[in-house]
Amino acid sequence: MIRRPHHCKLPTAGRLAPLGLLPVLLGGCNMVVMNPMGDVALQQRNLFTFATGPMLLIVIPVIALVDILAWRYRATNTAAQYEPEWDHSTQLEPIIWAAPLLIVIWLSLRSLR
């Protein structure tokens, strides 16, 4: 049985406070990672909450697209076109990889400060 405290200390990170609430909502109230005791731990917590938002910009659409593609190309959908020879799009690749690459570069530059 998991014990939870009677009260929850919600993390705050200034204007990033809404991002700090996400782990609490997903994982419960007693999160040691979100209650830092020192300056370095505080900076790590702020970086974690800062990085969560941009990563969700990629993760949420990918999860939605997996659901859409699974529904569209299900076995019972006879209207979907079957194209077994299509495996690569040179025009689509840069678009697909540009957003994650820019987010990684942005987070890397941000963490250097």
C-alpha atoms as a PDB file:
ATOM      1  CA  MET A   1       0.000   0.000   0.000  1.00  0.00           C
ATOM      2  CA  ILE A   2       1.354   3.393  -0.993  1.00  0.00           C
ATOM      3  CA  ARG A   3       1.173   6.054   1.686  1.00  0.00           C
ATOM      4  CA  ARG A   4       0.576   9.611   0.621  1.00  0.00           C
ATOM      5  CA  PRO A   5       0.964  12.653   2.820  1.00  0.00           C
ATOM      6  CA  HIS A   6      -2.109  14.549   3.954  1.00  0.00           C
ATOM      7  CA  HIS A   7      -0.960  17.650   2.158  1.00  0.00           C
ATOM      8  CA  CYS A   8       0.845  18.200  -1.117  1.00  0.00           C
ATOM      9  CA  LYS A   9       3.636  20.697  -1.562  1.00  0.00           C
ATOM     10  CA  LEU A  10       3.281  21.806  -5.149  1.00  0.00           C
ATOM     11  CA  PRO A  11       6.532  22.799  -6.852  1.00  0.00           C
ATOM     12  CA  THR A  12       6.917  26.340  -8.038  1.00  0.00           C
ATOM     13  CA  ALA A  13       9.402  27.584 -10.581  1.00  0.00           C
ATOM     14  CA  GLY A  14       8.242  31.133 -11.236  1.00  0.00           C
ATOM     15  CA  ARG A  15       6.569  31.390 -14.606  1.00  0.00           C
ATOM     16  CA  LEU A  16       7.186  27.681 -15.180  1.00  0.00           C
ATOM     17  CA  ALA A  17       4.879  26.670 -12.338  1.00  0.00           C
ATOM     18  CA  PRO A  18       2.266  25.043 -14.641  1.00  0.00           C
ATOM     19  CA  LEU A  19       4.963  22.710 -15.993  1.00  0.00           C
ATOM     20  CA  GLY A  20       5.980  21.876 -12.444  1.00  0.00           C
ATOM     21  CA  LEU A  21       2.453  20.710 -11.720  1.00  0.00           C
ATOM     22  CA  LEU A  22       2.542  18.076 -14.453  1.00  0.00           C
ATOM     23  CA  PRO A  23       4.717  15.528 -12.565  1.00  0.00           C
ATOM     24  CA  VAL A  24       2.599  16.000  -9.439  1.00  0.00           C
ATOM     25  CA  LEU A  25      -0.580  15.307 -11.365  1.00  0.00           C
ATOM     26  CA  LEU A  26       0.965  12.254 -13.006  1.00  0.00           C
ATOM     27  CA  GLY A  27       2.853  10.797 -10.074  1.00  0.00           C
ATOM     28  CA  GLY A  28       1.311  11.795  -6.769  1.00  0.00           C
ATOM     29  CA  CYS A  29       2.223  14.282  -4.079  1.00  0.00           C
ATOM     30  CA  ASN A  30       5.366  12.954  -2.440  1.00  0.00           C
ATOM     31  CA  MET A  31       7.940  13.636  -5.123  1.00  0.00           C
ATOM     32  CA  VAL A  32      11.420  14.084  -3.684  1.00  0.00           C
ATOM     33  CA  VAL A  33      12.776  15.273  -7.045  1.00  0.00           C
ATOM     34  CA  MET A  34      10.428  18.239  -7.038  1.00  0.00           C
ATOM     35  CA  ASN A  35      11.304  19.326  -3.488  1.00  0.00           C
ATOM     36  CA  PRO A  36      14.988  20.302  -3.734  1.00  0.00           C
ATOM     37  CA  MET A  37      17.052  20.985  -0.636  1.00  0.00           C
ATOM     38  CA  GLY A  38      19.996  22.801  -2.170  1.00  0.00           C
ATOM     39  CA  ASP A  39      20.907  25.278  -4.871  1.00  0.00           C
ATOM     40  CA  VAL A  40      22.121  22.696  -7.393  1.00  0.00           C
ATOM     41  CA  ALA A  41      19.032  20.533  -6.848  1.00  0.00           C
ATOM     42  CA  LEU A  42      16.844  23.616  -7.321  1.00  0.00           C
ATOM     43  CA  GLN A  43      18.562  24.382 -10.626  1.00  0.00           C
ATOM     44  CA  GLN A  44      18.126  20.762 -11.740  1.00  0.00           C
ATOM     45  CA  ARG A  45      14.431  20.858 -10.843  1.00  0.00           C
ATOM     46  CA  ASN A  46      13.967  24.083 -12.788  1.00  0.00           C
ATOM     47  CA  LEU A  47      15.759  22.604 -15.808  1.00  0.00           C
ATOM     48  CA  PHE A  48      13.573  19.487 -15.585  1.00  0.00           C
ATOM     49  CA  THR A  49      10.360  21.497 -15.501  1.00  0.00           C
ATOM     50  CA  PHE A  50      11.652  23.789 -18.266  1.00  0.00           C
ATOM     51  CA  ALA A  51      12.530  20.836 -20.539  1.00  0.00           C
ATOM     52  CA  THR A  52       9.214  19.036 -20.008  1.00  0.00           C
ATOM     53  CA  GLY A  53       7.175  21.521 -22.060  1.00  0.00           C
ATOM     54  CA  PRO A  54       9.220  21.475 -25.280  1.00  0.00           C
ATOM     55  CA  MET A  55       9.488  17.693 -25.141  1.00  0.00           C
ATOM     56  CA  LEU A  56       5.715  17.428 -24.821  1.00  0.00           C
ATOM     57  CA  LEU A  57       5.434  19.479 -28.034  1.00  0.00           C
ATOM     58  CA  ILE A  58       6.898  16.451 -29.812  1.00  0.00           C
ATOM     59  CA  VAL A  59       5.549  13.578 -27.708  1.00  0.00           C
ATOM     60  CA  ILE A  60       1.853  14.524 -27.730  1.00  0.00           C
ATOM     61  CA  PRO A  61       1.548  14.860 -31.549  1.00  0.00           C
ATOM     62  CA  VAL A  62       3.497  11.610 -32.050  1.00  0.00           C
ATOM     63  CA  ILE A  63       1.152   9.717 -29.730  1.00  0.00           C
ATOM     64  CA  ALA A  64      -1.876  11.254 -31.473  1.00  0.00           C
ATOM     65  CA  LEU A  65      -0.497  10.374 -34.923  1.00  0.00           C
ATOM     66  CA  VAL A  66       0.150   6.764 -33.870  1.00  0.00           C
ATOM     67  CA  ASP A  67      -3.498   6.480 -32.836  1.00  0.00           C
ATOM     68  CA  ILE A  68      -4.687   8.112 -36.077  1.00  0.00           C
ATOM     69  CA  LEU A  69      -2.502   5.885 -38.261  1.00  0.00           C
ATOM     70  CA  ALA A  70      -3.523   2.745 -36.370  1.00  0.00           C
ATOM     71  CA  TRP A  71      -7.194   3.657 -36.879  1.00  0.00           C
ATOM     72  CA  ARG A  72      -6.777   4.646 -40.515  1.00  0.00           C
ATOM     73  CA  TYR A  73      -4.802   1.561 -41.563  1.00  0.00           C
ATOM     74  CA  ARG A  74      -6.616  -1.042 -39.483  1.00  0.00           C
ATOM     75  CA  ALA A  75      -7.339  -4.405 -41.080  1.00  0.00           C
ATOM     76  CA  THR A  76     -11.085  -3.757 -41.363  1.00  0.00           C
ATOM     77  CA  ASN A  77     -10.656  -0.466 -43.266  1.00  0.00           C
ATOM     78  CA  THR A  78     -10.909  -1.505 -46.916  1.00  0.00           C
ATOM     79  CA  ALA A  79     -10.788   2.118 -48.180  1.00  0.00           C
ATOM     80  CA  ALA A  80      -7.163   2.662 -47.061  1.00  0.00           C
ATOM     81  CA  GLN A  81      -4.576   2.401 -49.840  1.00  0.00           C
ATOM     82  CA  TYR A  82      -1.960  -0.310 -49.424  1.00  0.00           C
ATOM     83  CA  GLU A  83       1.428   0.890 -50.705  1.00  0.00           C
ATOM     84  CA  PRO A  84       4.079  -1.649 -49.699  1.00  0.00           C
ATOM     85  CA  GLU A  85       6.811  -0.054 -51.859  1.00  0.00           C
ATOM     86  CA  TRP A  86       6.597   3.414 -50.226  1.00  0.00           C
ATOM     87  CA  ASP A  87       9.256   3.670 -47.531  1.00  0.00           C
ATOM     88  CA  HIS A  88      10.958   7.063 -47.722  1.00  0.00           C
ATOM     89  CA  SER A  89      10.171  10.683 -48.518  1.00  0.00           C
ATOM     90  CA  THR A  90      13.115  13.005 -49.047  1.00  0.00           C
ATOM     91  CA  GLN A  91      10.879  16.078 -48.715  1.00  0.00           C
ATOM     92  CA  LEU A  92       9.217  14.857 -45.512  1.00  0.00           C
ATOM     93  CA  GLU A  93      12.387  13.811 -43.631  1.00  0.00           C
ATOM     94  CA  PRO A  94      13.767  17.339 -42.945  1.00  0.00           C
ATOM     95  CA  ILE A  95      10.360  18.501 -41.701  1.00  0.00           C
ATOM     96  CA  ILE A  96       9.993  15.518 -39.366  1.00  0.00           C
ATOM     97  CA  TRP A  97      13.493  15.902 -37.898  1.00  0.00           C
ATOM     98  CA  ALA A  98      13.659  19.715 -37.778  1.00  0.00           C
ATOM     99  CA  ALA A  99      11.415  20.222 -34.737  1.00  0.00           C
ATOM    100  CA  PRO A 100      13.165  17.703 -32.414  1.00  0.00           C
ATOM    101  CA  LEU A 101      16.570  18.960 -33.560  1.00  0.00           C
ATOM    102  CA  LEU A 102      15.663  22.583 -32.829  1.00  0.00           C
ATOM    103  CA  ILE A 103      14.303  21.635 -29.391  1.00  0.00           C
ATOM    104  CA  VAL A 104      17.485  19.721 -28.514  1.00  0.00           C
ATOM    105  CA  ILE A 105      19.649  22.660 -29.655  1.00  0.00           C
ATOM    106  CA  TRP A 106      17.474  25.118 -27.707  1.00  0.00           C
ATOM    107  CA  LEU A 107      17.583  23.017 -24.511  1.00  0.00           C
ATOM    108  CA  SER A 108      21.351  22.548 -24.893  1.00  0.00           C
ATOM    109  CA  LEU A 109      21.972  26.271 -25.232  1.00  0.00           C
ATOM    110  CA  ARG A 110      19.612  26.991 -22.334  1.00  0.00           C
ATOM    111  CA  SER A 111      21.420  24.546 -20.031  1.00  0.00           C
ATOM    112  CA  LEU A 112      24.792  26.210 -20.749  1.00  0.00           C
ATOM    113  CA  ARG A 113      23.708  29.370 -18.955  1.00  0.00           C
END
